[in-house]
Amino acid sequence: MNLTLKDKLLEKLLETTSAPISGQQLADEFDVSRTAIWKNIKALEEEGYVIESIRKKGYQLVEQPDMITAARLQQYLTATTYGRNVVHHMACDSTQFIAHDLAQQGAEDGTVVITEKQLQGKGRLARPWASDNANGLWMSLIMRPDLAPQHAPQLTLVAAVSIVRAIEEVCNVRPVIKWPNDILINDLKVTGILTEMQADPDRVKSVILGIGMNINQNETDFPTELEDIATSLKIETGQSFDRAQIAATVLNYIENYTNLYLEKGFIAIKLLWESYSNTIGRHIRVTMINEVAEGEAIGITADGMLQLKQHDGTVRNIYSGDITIQS
């Protein structure tokens, strides 16, 4: 991971919360001056970290703000590539915009853009996503898979499986997946996934995987128009969560399942996705650009398309559309 001196200091302080660590020891370890250590300690304090300076003993971390920094991710990250290069912002218009620019500039596979507040968050079909508070996860992952462009949409389903597994592990609650890219708890949306691609005609150059997750919001944090369709992990479980732990766990699962998908094909992911689906076996209405179709969702294809059994018995493969569950 490409950590700044400030991140390295924070990582060290997080490792040694039970005892102070001397400024000289830190300076020696990082091969910098004591002044550089002091300046970066002050920078951490300006970000909300409470660091006690104990005479003749050194620095000790007393309290930390709820931020998803590179050093905090490192505490929980087991992925070897995803999340090892982190671009952190206190606020930005959109992590997707930044990730697209970084990808075009050659950012490495697994680079993550994370912001505490997102001012112009967008979901699928450019719909607004309420992400202007520091209670959620607003993240874009740059992926560079060896993949043909027609297979890139399958990564949305890989991500969906990864996210539900991460939520299960950290929060002890079982979400479901609404095709193709919504994660729900008790029929309310807790996470959205946006997959965008940069490609040559025969090969994916990069996939920008955007994830918006509601984590520690209260009911009053949502605008009126979202009160009946959105929820958060805190609302559903009654407890707050470490956002950095959730972010890192999501990245761990995405790396594991992406590797599985690239090595073994889509079938293993398909079976996992169907086991978490709230769409399979339901009567649904699919609204597409130029038409509306109805029928029973009976599964997904090997390419990740939704299989819709229509009233006349024919099975139609749906590539893209908005789902309304009828029964």
C-alpha atoms as a PDB file:
ATOM      1  CA  MET A   1       0.000   0.000   0.000  1.00  0.00           C
ATOM      2  CA  ASN A   2       1.307   3.463  -0.896  1.00  0.00           C
ATOM      3  CA  LEU A   3       0.971   5.174   2.483  1.00  0.00           C
ATOM      4  CA  THR A   4       1.907   8.756   3.248  1.00  0.00           C
ATOM      5  CA  LEU A   5       3.906   9.524   6.386  1.00  0.00           C
ATOM      6  CA  LYS A   6       0.656  10.599   8.043  1.00  0.00           C
ATOM      7  CA  ASP A   7      -0.956   7.260   7.161  1.00  0.00           C
ATOM      8  CA  LYS A   8       2.091   5.358   8.413  1.00  0.00           C
ATOM      9  CA  LEU A   9       1.971   7.238  11.694  1.00  0.00           C
ATOM     10  CA  LEU A  10      -1.721   6.524  12.079  1.00  0.00           C
ATOM     11  CA  GLU A  11      -1.182   2.859  11.331  1.00  0.00           C
ATOM     12  CA  LYS A  12       1.522   2.716  14.014  1.00  0.00           C
ATOM     13  CA  LEU A  13      -0.642   4.527  16.550  1.00  0.00           C
ATOM     14  CA  LEU A  14      -3.525   2.164  15.821  1.00  0.00           C
ATOM     15  CA  GLU A  15      -1.227  -0.796  16.454  1.00  0.00           C
ATOM     16  CA  THR A  16       0.012   0.550  19.805  1.00  0.00           C
ATOM     17  CA  THR A  17      -3.051   2.033  21.519  1.00  0.00           C
ATOM     18  CA  SER A  18      -2.197   0.373  24.842  1.00  0.00           C
ATOM     19  CA  ALA A  19       1.017   2.353  25.353  1.00  0.00           C
ATOM     20  CA  PRO A  20       2.667   5.558  24.125  1.00  0.00           C
ATOM     21  CA  ILE A  21       5.329   5.410  21.431  1.00  0.00           C
ATOM     22  CA  SER A  22       8.183   7.880  21.428  1.00  0.00           C
ATOM     23  CA  GLY A  23       8.606  10.536  18.798  1.00  0.00           C
ATOM     24  CA  GLN A  24      12.258   9.553  18.377  1.00  0.00           C
ATOM     25  CA  GLN A  25      11.317   5.914  17.793  1.00  0.00           C
ATOM     26  CA  LEU A  26       8.824   6.994  15.151  1.00  0.00           C
ATOM     27  CA  ALA A  27      11.383   9.297  13.521  1.00  0.00           C
ATOM     28  CA  ASP A  28      13.964   6.502  13.420  1.00  0.00           C
ATOM     29  CA  GLU A  29      11.517   3.942  12.058  1.00  0.00           C
ATOM     30  CA  PHE A  30      10.329   6.182   9.221  1.00  0.00           C
ATOM     31  CA  ASP A  31      13.711   7.867   8.651  1.00  0.00           C
ATOM     32  CA  VAL A  32      12.388  11.403   9.098  1.00  0.00           C
ATOM     33  CA  SER A  33      12.956  14.228  11.544  1.00  0.00           C
ATOM     34  CA  ARG A  34      11.167  14.650  14.869  1.00  0.00           C
ATOM     35  CA  THR A  35       9.707  17.849  13.402  1.00  0.00           C
ATOM     36  CA  ALA A  36       8.143  15.877  10.547  1.00  0.00           C
ATOM     37  CA  ILE A  37       6.601  13.509  13.079  1.00  0.00           C
ATOM     38  CA  TRP A  38       5.209  16.425  15.102  1.00  0.00           C
ATOM     39  CA  LYS A  39       3.735  18.134  12.021  1.00  0.00           C
ATOM     40  CA  ASN A  40       1.968  14.973  10.917  1.00  0.00           C
ATOM     41  CA  ILE A  41       0.665  14.329  14.424  1.00  0.00           C
ATOM     42  CA  LYS A  42      -0.833  17.829  14.317  1.00  0.00           C
ATOM     43  CA  ALA A  43      -2.338  17.067  10.905  1.00  0.00           C
ATOM     44  CA  LEU A  44      -4.003  13.971  12.349  1.00  0.00           C
ATOM     45  CA  GLU A  45      -5.370  16.025  15.239  1.00  0.00           C
ATOM     46  CA  GLU A  46      -6.860  18.492  12.768  1.00  0.00           C
ATOM     47  CA  GLU A  47      -8.734  15.572  11.188  1.00  0.00           C
ATOM     48  CA  GLY A  48     -10.297  14.701  14.537  1.00  0.00           C
ATOM     49  CA  TYR A  49      -7.870  12.201  16.033  1.00  0.00           C
ATOM     50  CA  VAL A  50      -7.257  12.717  19.749  1.00  0.00           C
ATOM     51  CA  ILE A  51      -3.580  12.025  20.407  1.00  0.00           C
ATOM     52  CA  GLU A  52      -2.124  12.440  23.860  1.00  0.00           C
ATOM     53  CA  SER A  53       1.456  13.701  24.109  1.00  0.00           C
ATOM     54  CA  ILE A  54       2.981  12.227  27.256  1.00  0.00           C
ATOM     55  CA  ARG A  55       6.177  13.858  28.481  1.00  0.00           C
ATOM     56  CA  LYS A  56       9.246  11.616  28.062  1.00  0.00           C
ATOM     57  CA  LYS A  57       7.059   8.759  26.806  1.00  0.00           C
ATOM     58  CA  GLY A  58       5.659   9.841  23.473  1.00  0.00           C
ATOM     59  CA  TYR A  59       2.345   9.803  21.626  1.00  0.00           C
ATOM     60  CA  GLN A  60      -0.721   7.699  22.313  1.00  0.00           C
ATOM     61  CA  LEU A  61      -3.941   7.524  20.298  1.00  0.00           C
ATOM     62  CA  VAL A  62      -6.894   8.146  22.612  1.00  0.00           C
ATOM     63  CA  GLU A  63      -9.808   8.588  20.219  1.00  0.00           C
ATOM     64  CA  GLN A  64     -10.323   8.397  16.472  1.00  0.00           C
ATOM     65  CA  PRO A  65     -12.971   9.834  14.156  1.00  0.00           C
ATOM     66  CA  ASP A  66     -15.145   7.551  12.060  1.00  0.00           C
ATOM     67  CA  MET A  67     -13.308   7.908   8.755  1.00  0.00           C
ATOM     68  CA  ILE A  68     -12.344   5.376   6.093  1.00  0.00           C
ATOM     69  CA  THR A  69      -8.677   6.193   5.576  1.00  0.00           C
ATOM     70  CA  ALA A  70      -5.986   3.997   4.055  1.00  0.00           C
ATOM     71  CA  ALA A  71      -4.528   3.207   7.474  1.00  0.00           C
ATOM     72  CA  ARG A  72      -7.909   2.255   8.936  1.00  0.00           C
ATOM     73  CA  LEU A  73      -8.682   0.001   5.957  1.00  0.00           C
ATOM     74  CA  GLN A  74      -5.347  -1.717   6.482  1.00  0.00           C
ATOM     75  CA  GLN A  75      -6.543  -2.957   9.896  1.00  0.00           C
ATOM     76  CA  TYR A  76      -9.114  -5.232   8.246  1.00  0.00           C
ATOM     77  CA  LEU A  77      -7.816  -5.790   4.714  1.00  0.00           C
ATOM     78  CA  THR A  78      -6.756  -9.277   3.653  1.00  0.00           C
ATOM     79  CA  ALA A  79      -7.028  -8.635  -0.103  1.00  0.00           C
ATOM     80  CA  THR A  80      -3.646  -8.544  -1.802  1.00  0.00           C
ATOM     81  CA  THR A  81      -4.588  -6.098  -4.592  1.00  0.00           C
ATOM     82  CA  TYR A  82      -7.965  -4.463  -4.034  1.00  0.00           C
ATOM     83  CA  GLY A  83      -7.738  -1.589  -1.580  1.00  0.00           C
ATOM     84  CA  ARG A  84      -3.951  -1.532  -1.409  1.00  0.00           C
ATOM     85  CA  ASN A  85      -3.869   1.852  -3.157  1.00  0.00           C
ATOM     86  CA  VAL A  86      -6.386   4.255  -1.596  1.00  0.00           C
ATOM     87  CA  VAL A  87      -7.376   7.767  -2.656  1.00  0.00           C
ATOM     88  CA  HIS A  88      -9.284   9.322   0.242  1.00  0.00           C
ATOM     89  CA  HIS A  89     -11.326  12.528   0.129  1.00  0.00           C
ATOM     90  CA  MET A  90     -13.192  14.329   2.869  1.00  0.00           C
ATOM     91  CA  ALA A  91     -15.735  15.402   0.240  1.00  0.00           C
ATOM     92  CA  CYS A  92     -16.040  15.216  -3.542  1.00  0.00           C
ATOM     93  CA  ASP A  93     -18.669  15.454  -6.262  1.00  0.00           C
ATOM     94  CA  SER A  94     -18.465  11.757  -7.160  1.00  0.00           C
ATOM     95  CA  THR A  95     -15.967   8.967  -6.564  1.00  0.00           C
ATOM     96  CA  GLN A  96     -16.920   7.604 -10.001  1.00  0.00           C
ATOM     97  CA  PHE A  97     -15.736  10.798 -11.718  1.00  0.00           C
ATOM     98  CA  ILE A  98     -12.397  10.650  -9.911  1.00  0.00           C
ATOM     99  CA  ALA A  99     -11.942   6.913 -10.524  1.00  0.00           C
ATOM    100  CA  HIS A 100     -12.616   7.320 -14.257  1.00  0.00           C
ATOM    101  CA  ASP A 101      -9.939  10.017 -14.472  1.00  0.00           C
ATOM    102  CA  LEU A 102      -7.450   7.942 -12.469  1.00  0.00           C
ATOM    103  CA  ALA A 103      -8.100   4.882 -14.635  1.00  0.00           C
ATOM    104  CA  GLN A 104      -7.414   6.876 -17.791  1.00  0.00           C
ATOM    105  CA  GLN A 105      -4.170   8.090 -16.195  1.00  0.00           C
ATOM    106  CA  GLY A 106      -3.076   4.481 -15.615  1.00  0.00           C
ATOM    107  CA  ALA A 107      -4.059   3.884 -11.985  1.00  0.00           C
ATOM    108  CA  GLU A 108      -3.243   0.338 -10.946  1.00  0.00           C
ATOM    109  CA  ASP A 109      -5.705  -2.517 -10.618  1.00  0.00           C
ATOM    110  CA  GLY A 110      -7.446  -2.402  -7.238  1.00  0.00           C
ATOM    111  CA  THR A 111      -7.141   1.352  -6.689  1.00  0.00           C
ATOM    112  CA  VAL A 112      -9.987   2.577  -4.485  1.00  0.00           C
ATOM    113  CA  VAL A 113     -11.465   6.066  -4.283  1.00  0.00           C
ATOM    114  CA  ILE A 114     -13.331   6.697  -1.017  1.00  0.00           C
ATOM    115  CA  THR A 115     -15.014   9.858   0.200  1.00  0.00           C
ATOM    116  CA  GLU A 116     -16.655  10.772   3.489  1.00  0.00           C
ATOM    117  CA  LYS A 117     -19.254  12.880   1.690  1.00  0.00           C
ATOM    118  CA  GLN A 118     -20.367  12.708  -1.928  1.00  0.00           C
ATOM    119  CA  LEU A 119     -22.124  15.763  -3.283  1.00  0.00           C
ATOM    120  CA  GLN A 120     -23.284  14.492  -6.686  1.00  0.00           C
ATOM    121  CA  GLY A 121     -23.697  10.793  -6.089  1.00  0.00           C
ATOM    122  CA  LYS A 122     -25.430   8.962  -8.922  1.00  0.00           C
ATOM    123  CA  GLY A 123     -26.931   5.524  -9.228  1.00  0.00           C
ATOM    124  CA  ARG A 124     -28.039   3.552 -12.237  1.00  0.00           C
ATOM    125  CA  LEU A 125     -29.591   5.592 -15.093  1.00  0.00           C
ATOM    126  CA  ALA A 126     -28.014   8.742 -13.544  1.00  0.00           C
ATOM    127  CA  ARG A 127     -30.503   8.741 -10.669  1.00  0.00           C
ATOM    128  CA  PRO A 128     -29.404  10.776  -7.629  1.00  0.00           C
ATOM    129  CA  TRP A 129     -28.025   8.830  -4.653  1.00  0.00           C
ATOM    130  CA  ALA A 130     -28.264  10.479  -1.230  1.00  0.00           C
ATOM    131  CA  SER A 131     -24.644  10.362  -0.087  1.00  0.00           C
ATOM    132  CA  ASP A 132     -23.916  13.795   1.361  1.00  0.00           C
ATOM    133  CA  ASN A 133     -23.220  12.565   4.894  1.00  0.00           C
ATOM    134  CA  ALA A 134     -20.366  10.683   6.520  1.00  0.00           C
ATOM    135  CA  ASN A 135     -22.520   7.802   7.746  1.00  0.00           C
ATOM    136  CA  GLY A 136     -22.253   5.558   4.695  1.00  0.00           C
ATOM    137  CA  LEU A 137     -19.767   4.001   2.314  1.00  0.00           C
ATOM    138  CA  TRP A 138     -19.197   5.913  -0.914  1.00  0.00           C
ATOM    139  CA  MET A 139     -16.518   4.047  -2.846  1.00  0.00           C
ATOM    140  CA  SER A 140     -15.334   3.343  -6.409  1.00  0.00           C
ATOM    141  CA  LEU A 141     -12.994   0.467  -7.244  1.00  0.00           C
ATOM    142  CA  ILE A 142     -10.836   0.409 -10.379  1.00  0.00           C
ATOM    143  CA  MET A 143     -10.690  -3.128 -11.746  1.00  0.00           C
ATOM    144  CA  ARG A 144      -8.575  -4.272 -14.677  1.00  0.00           C
ATOM    145  CA  PRO A 145      -9.758  -7.830 -15.402  1.00  0.00           C
ATOM    146  CA  ASP A 146      -8.624  -9.836 -18.424  1.00  0.00           C
ATOM    147  CA  LEU A 147     -12.118  -9.908 -19.822  1.00  0.00           C
ATOM    148  CA  ALA A 148     -14.045  -9.352 -23.053  1.00  0.00           C
ATOM    149  CA  PRO A 149     -16.424  -6.337 -22.898  1.00  0.00           C
ATOM    150  CA  GLN A 150     -19.577  -8.455 -23.229  1.00  0.00           C
ATOM    151  CA  HIS A 151     -18.728 -10.199 -19.951  1.00  0.00           C
ATOM    152  CA  ALA A 152     -18.157  -7.020 -17.912  1.00  0.00           C
ATOM    153  CA  PRO A 153     -21.807  -6.808 -16.682  1.00  0.00           C
ATOM    154  CA  GLN A 154     -21.222 -10.075 -14.803  1.00  0.00           C
ATOM    155  CA  LEU A 155     -18.955  -8.129 -12.447  1.00  0.00           C
ATOM    156  CA  THR A 156     -22.064  -6.351 -11.125  1.00  0.00           C
ATOM    157  CA  LEU A 157     -23.367  -9.739  -9.980  1.00  0.00           C
ATOM    158  CA  VAL A 158     -19.956 -10.667  -8.564  1.00  0.00           C
ATOM    159  CA  ALA A 159     -20.019  -7.437  -6.566  1.00  0.00           C
ATOM    160  CA  ALA A 160     -23.567  -8.063  -5.350  1.00  0.00           C
ATOM    161  CA  VAL A 161     -22.652 -11.471  -3.963  1.00  0.00           C
ATOM    162  CA  SER A 162     -19.527  -9.997  -2.360  1.00  0.00           C
ATOM    163  CA  ILE A 163     -21.484  -7.225  -0.658  1.00  0.00           C
ATOM    164  CA  VAL A 164     -24.166  -9.476   0.828  1.00  0.00           C
ATOM    165  CA  ARG A 165     -21.492 -11.827   2.159  1.00  0.00           C
ATOM    166  CA  ALA A 166     -19.626  -8.881   3.717  1.00  0.00           C
ATOM    167  CA  ILE A 167     -22.785  -7.517   5.355  1.00  0.00           C
ATOM    168  CA  GLU A 168     -23.594 -10.982   6.712  1.00  0.00           C
ATOM    169  CA  GLU A 169     -20.109 -11.362   8.173  1.00  0.00           C
ATOM    170  CA  VAL A 170     -19.850  -7.961   9.849  1.00  0.00           C
ATOM    171  CA  CYS A 171     -23.478  -7.181  10.714  1.00  0.00           C
ATOM    172  CA  ASN A 172     -25.028 -10.619  11.297  1.00  0.00           C
ATOM    173  CA  VAL A 173     -28.024  -9.825   9.092  1.00  0.00           C
ATOM    174  CA  ARG A 174     -28.953 -11.475   5.792  1.00  0.00           C
ATOM    175  CA  PRO A 175     -29.591  -9.102   2.868  1.00  0.00           C
ATOM    176  CA  VAL A 176     -31.097 -10.121  -0.461  1.00  0.00           C
ATOM    177  CA  ILE A 177     -30.280  -9.116  -4.033  1.00  0.00           C
ATOM    178  CA  LYS A 178     -32.811  -7.508  -6.334  1.00  0.00           C
ATOM    179  CA  TRP A 179     -31.688  -7.965  -9.928  1.00  0.00           C
ATOM    180  CA  PRO A 180     -29.425  -6.580 -11.122  1.00  0.00           C
ATOM    181  CA  ASN A 181     -27.756  -4.242  -8.655  1.00  0.00           C
ATOM    182  CA  ASP A 182     -29.746  -3.490  -5.497  1.00  0.00           C
ATOM    183  CA  ILE A 183     -29.096  -4.938  -2.044  1.00  0.00           C
ATOM    184  CA  LEU A 184     -32.174  -4.968   0.194  1.00  0.00           C
ATOM    185  CA  ILE A 185     -33.014  -5.653   3.817  1.00  0.00           C
ATOM    186  CA  ASN A 186     -36.698  -6.057   4.680  1.00  0.00           C
ATOM    187  CA  ASP A 187     -37.561  -4.914   1.145  1.00  0.00           C
ATOM    188  CA  LEU A 188     -35.737  -1.581   1.616  1.00  0.00           C
ATOM    189  CA  LYS A 189     -32.617  -0.580  -0.297  1.00  0.00           C
ATOM    190  CA  VAL A 190     -29.382  -0.507   1.683  1.00  0.00           C
ATOM    191  CA  THR A 191     -26.810  -0.672  -1.137  1.00  0.00           C
ATOM    192  CA  GLY A 192     -26.582   0.227  -4.802  1.00  0.00           C
ATOM    193  CA  ILE A 193     -23.969  -0.855  -7.324  1.00  0.00           C
ATOM    194  CA  LEU A 194     -22.956   1.066 -10.451  1.00  0.00           C
ATOM    195  CA  THR A 195     -20.694  -0.644 -12.984  1.00  0.00           C
ATOM    196  CA  GLU A 196     -19.117   1.435 -15.758  1.00  0.00           C
ATOM    197  CA  MET A 197     -16.555   0.343 -18.303  1.00  0.00           C
ATOM    198  CA  GLN A 198     -13.651   1.706 -20.313  1.00  0.00           C
ATOM    199  CA  ALA A 199     -12.891  -0.707 -23.155  1.00  0.00           C
ATOM    200  CA  ASP A 200     -11.350  -1.388 -26.543  1.00  0.00           C
ATOM    201  CA  PRO A 201     -13.515  -3.321 -29.032  1.00  0.00           C
ATOM    202  CA  ASP A 202     -12.149  -6.681 -27.893  1.00  0.00           C
ATOM    203  CA  ARG A 203     -10.855  -6.116 -24.367  1.00  0.00           C
ATOM    204  CA  VAL A 204     -11.829  -4.378 -21.149  1.00  0.00           C
ATOM    205  CA  LYS A 205      -9.366  -1.655 -20.198  1.00  0.00           C
ATOM    206  CA  SER A 206     -10.967  -0.958 -16.834  1.00  0.00           C
ATOM    207  CA  VAL A 207     -14.198  -1.421 -14.935  1.00  0.00           C
ATOM    208  CA  ILE A 208     -15.186   1.263 -12.442  1.00  0.00           C
ATOM    209  CA  LEU A 209     -17.280  -0.380  -9.749  1.00  0.00           C
ATOM    210  CA  GLY A 210     -19.178   2.162  -7.672  1.00  0.00           C
ATOM    211  CA  ILE A 211     -20.709   1.152  -4.339  1.00  0.00           C
ATOM    212  CA  GLY A 212     -23.031   3.257  -2.225  1.00  0.00           C
ATOM    213  CA  MET A 213     -23.985   1.718   1.116  1.00  0.00           C
ATOM    214  CA  ASN A 214     -26.137   3.153   3.890  1.00  0.00           C
ATOM    215  CA  ILE A 215     -24.456   2.151   7.153  1.00  0.00           C
ATOM    216  CA  ASN A 216     -24.993   4.386  10.183  1.00  0.00           C
ATOM    217  CA  GLN A 217     -27.827   6.649   9.048  1.00  0.00           C
ATOM    218  CA  ASN A 218     -30.881   7.253  11.220  1.00  0.00           C
ATOM    219  CA  GLU A 219     -34.372   7.536   9.724  1.00  0.00           C
ATOM    220  CA  THR A 220     -34.134  11.339   9.837  1.00  0.00           C
ATOM    221  CA  ASP A 221     -31.009  11.328   7.662  1.00  0.00           C
ATOM    222  CA  PHE A 222     -32.933  10.354   4.530  1.00  0.00           C
ATOM    223  CA  PRO A 223     -34.810  12.895   2.412  1.00  0.00           C
ATOM    224  CA  THR A 224     -38.592  12.563   2.452  1.00  0.00           C
ATOM    225  CA  GLU A 225     -38.761  10.955  -0.981  1.00  0.00           C
ATOM    226  CA  LEU A 226     -36.530   8.075   0.185  1.00  0.00           C
ATOM    227  CA  GLU A 227     -38.108   7.339   3.567  1.00  0.00           C
ATOM    228  CA  ASP A 228     -40.236   4.481   2.231  1.00  0.00           C
ATOM    229  CA  ILE A 229     -37.622   2.883  -0.037  1.00  0.00           C
ATOM    230  CA  ALA A 230     -34.242   3.248   1.727  1.00  0.00           C
ATOM    231  CA  THR A 231     -32.784   1.968   4.955  1.00  0.00           C
ATOM    232  CA  SER A 232     -29.419   1.584   6.683  1.00  0.00           C
ATOM    233  CA  LEU A 233     -27.615  -1.183   8.503  1.00  0.00           C
ATOM    234  CA  LYS A 234     -28.036   0.758  11.742  1.00  0.00           C
ATOM    235  CA  ILE A 235     -31.788   1.115  11.285  1.00  0.00           C
ATOM    236  CA  GLU A 236     -32.195  -2.587  10.547  1.00  0.00           C
ATOM    237  CA  THR A 237     -29.967  -3.916  13.334  1.00  0.00           C
ATOM    238  CA  GLY A 238     -30.170  -1.225  16.000  1.00  0.00           C
ATOM    239  CA  GLN A 239     -26.393  -0.810  16.192  1.00  0.00           C
ATOM    240  CA  SER A 240     -23.653   1.282  14.617  1.00  0.00           C
ATOM    241  CA  PHE A 241     -20.791  -0.246  12.653  1.00  0.00           C
ATOM    242  CA  ASP A 242     -17.165   0.508  11.859  1.00  0.00           C
ATOM    243  CA  ARG A 243     -17.409   1.763   8.282  1.00  0.00           C
ATOM    244  CA  ALA A 244     -13.749   0.979   7.579  1.00  0.00           C
ATOM    245  CA  GLN A 245     -14.287  -2.635   8.616  1.00  0.00           C
ATOM    246  CA  ILE A 246     -17.272  -2.953   6.289  1.00  0.00           C
ATOM    247  CA  ALA A 247     -15.393  -1.310   3.396  1.00  0.00           C
ATOM    248  CA  ALA A 248     -12.386  -3.596   3.831  1.00  0.00           C
ATOM    249  CA  THR A 249     -14.554  -6.701   4.139  1.00  0.00           C
ATOM    250  CA  VAL A 250     -16.388  -5.776   0.931  1.00  0.00           C
ATOM    251  CA  LEU A 251     -13.043  -5.408  -0.861  1.00  0.00           C
ATOM    252  CA  ASN A 252     -11.824  -8.733   0.532  1.00  0.00           C
ATOM    253  CA  TYR A 253     -14.870 -10.540  -0.830  1.00  0.00           C
ATOM    254  CA  ILE A 254     -14.799  -8.731  -4.190  1.00  0.00           C
ATOM    255  CA  GLU A 255     -11.196  -9.796  -4.729  1.00  0.00           C
ATOM    256  CA  ASN A 256     -11.910 -13.395  -3.704  1.00  0.00           C
ATOM    257  CA  TYR A 257     -15.014 -13.757  -5.861  1.00  0.00           C
ATOM    258  CA  THR A 258     -13.520 -11.904  -8.836  1.00  0.00           C
ATOM    259  CA  ASN A 259     -10.570 -14.294  -8.786  1.00  0.00           C
ATOM    260  CA  LEU A 260     -12.969 -17.247  -8.537  1.00  0.00           C
ATOM    261  CA  TYR A 261     -14.973 -15.900 -11.462  1.00  0.00           C
ATOM    262  CA  LEU A 262     -11.913 -15.303 -13.651  1.00  0.00           C
ATOM    263  CA  GLU A 263     -10.471 -18.753 -12.845  1.00  0.00           C
ATOM    264  CA  LYS A 264     -13.598 -20.941 -12.854  1.00  0.00           C
ATOM    265  CA  GLY A 265     -16.167 -19.006 -14.853  1.00  0.00           C
ATOM    266  CA  PHE A 266     -19.521 -17.570 -13.882  1.00  0.00           C
ATOM    267  CA  ILE A 267     -21.292 -20.743 -12.734  1.00  0.00           C
ATOM    268  CA  ALA A 268     -20.125 -20.600  -9.077  1.00  0.00           C
ATOM    269  CA  ILE A 269     -21.086 -16.924  -8.830  1.00  0.00           C
ATOM    270  CA  LYS A 270     -24.421 -17.652 -10.543  1.00  0.00           C
ATOM    271  CA  LEU A 271     -25.357 -20.233  -7.905  1.00  0.00           C
ATOM    272  CA  LEU A 272     -24.408 -17.896  -5.060  1.00  0.00           C
ATOM    273  CA  TRP A 273     -26.295 -14.994  -6.622  1.00  0.00           C
ATOM    274  CA  GLU A 274     -29.458 -17.064  -7.047  1.00  0.00           C
ATOM    275  CA  SER A 275     -29.277 -18.215  -3.414  1.00  0.00           C
ATOM    276  CA  TYR A 276     -29.493 -14.574  -2.270  1.00  0.00           C
ATOM    277  CA  SER A 277     -32.010 -13.407  -4.878  1.00  0.00           C
ATOM    278  CA  ASN A 278     -35.365 -11.939  -3.884  1.00  0.00           C
ATOM    279  CA  THR A 279     -36.366 -11.922  -7.566  1.00  0.00           C
ATOM    280  CA  ILE A 280     -36.234 -15.615  -8.538  1.00  0.00           C
ATOM    281  CA  GLY A 281     -39.620 -17.280  -8.325  1.00  0.00           C
ATOM    282  CA  ARG A 282     -41.511 -13.993  -8.125  1.00  0.00           C
ATOM    283  CA  HIS A 283     -44.009 -12.485 -10.540  1.00  0.00           C
ATOM    284  CA  ILE A 284     -42.383  -9.289 -11.771  1.00  0.00           C
ATOM    285  CA  ARG A 285     -42.801  -6.398 -14.162  1.00  0.00           C
ATOM    286  CA  VAL A 286     -39.701  -5.315 -16.096  1.00  0.00           C
ATOM    287  CA  THR A 287     -39.634  -1.769 -17.413  1.00  0.00           C
ATOM    288  CA  MET A 288     -37.178  -1.388 -20.288  1.00  0.00           C
ATOM    289  CA  ILE A 289     -36.375   1.606 -22.484  1.00  0.00           C
ATOM    290  CA  ASN A 290     -39.061   0.924 -25.079  1.00  0.00           C
ATOM    291  CA  GLU A 291     -41.377  -1.648 -23.523  1.00  0.00           C
ATOM    292  CA  VAL A 292     -42.703  -3.372 -20.415  1.00  0.00           C
ATOM    293  CA  ALA A 293     -42.723  -7.143 -19.898  1.00  0.00           C
ATOM    294  CA  GLU A 294     -44.300  -9.281 -17.189  1.00  0.00           C
ATOM    295  CA  GLY A 295     -43.881 -12.826 -16.010  1.00  0.00           C
ATOM    296  CA  GLU A 296     -42.084 -15.055 -13.521  1.00  0.00           C
ATOM    297  CA  ALA A 297     -38.360 -14.607 -12.864  1.00  0.00           C
ATOM    298  CA  ILE A 298     -36.985 -18.139 -13.099  1.00  0.00           C
ATOM    299  CA  GLY A 299     -33.227 -17.551 -12.885  1.00  0.00           C
ATOM    300  CA  ILE A 300     -30.284 -15.865 -14.537  1.00  0.00           C
ATOM    301  CA  THR A 301     -28.352 -17.023 -17.584  1.00  0.00           C
ATOM    302  CA  ALA A 302     -24.676 -17.899 -17.741  1.00  0.00           C
ATOM    303  CA  ASP A 303     -24.170 -14.316 -18.934  1.00  0.00           C
ATOM    304  CA  GLY A 304     -26.036 -12.813 -15.976  1.00  0.00           C
ATOM    305  CA  MET A 305     -29.216 -11.917 -17.849  1.00  0.00           C
ATOM    306  CA  LEU A 306     -32.523 -12.325 -16.055  1.00  0.00           C
ATOM    307  CA  GLN A 307     -34.723 -15.154 -17.347  1.00  0.00           C
ATOM    308  CA  LEU A 308     -38.364 -14.102 -17.546  1.00  0.00           C
ATOM    309  CA  LYS A 309     -41.015 -16.748 -18.173  1.00  0.00           C
ATOM    310  CA  GLN A 310     -43.865 -14.887 -19.843  1.00  0.00           C
ATOM    311  CA  HIS A 311     -47.570 -15.697 -19.629  1.00  0.00           C
ATOM    312  CA  ASP A 312     -47.505 -17.606 -22.924  1.00  0.00           C
ATOM    313  CA  GLY A 313     -44.759 -19.892 -21.590  1.00  0.00           C
ATOM    314  CA  THR A 314     -41.890 -18.417 -23.599  1.00  0.00           C
ATOM    315  CA  VAL A 315     -38.683 -17.554 -21.747  1.00  0.00           C
ATOM    316  CA  ARG A 316     -37.140 -14.194 -22.467  1.00  0.00           C
ATOM    317  CA  ASN A 317     -33.652 -13.083 -21.426  1.00  0.00           C
ATOM    318  CA  ILE A 318     -33.598  -9.551 -20.011  1.00  0.00           C
ATOM    319  CA  TYR A 319     -30.320  -7.671 -20.344  1.00  0.00           C
ATOM    320  CA  SER A 320     -31.339  -4.464 -18.567  1.00  0.00           C
ATOM    321  CA  GLY A 321     -34.435  -3.025 -16.946  1.00  0.00           C
ATOM    322  CA  ASP A 322     -36.140  -1.867 -13.770  1.00  0.00           C
ATOM    323  CA  ILE A 323     -37.843  -4.577 -11.739  1.00  0.00           C
ATOM    324  CA  THR A 324     -41.124  -4.212  -9.875  1.00  0.00           C
ATOM    325  CA  ILE A 325     -42.108  -7.275  -7.869  1.00  0.00           C
ATOM    326  CA  GLN A 326     -45.810  -7.991  -8.290  1.00  0.00           C
ATOM    327  CA  SER A 327     -46.175 -11.018  -6.040  1.00  0.00           C
END
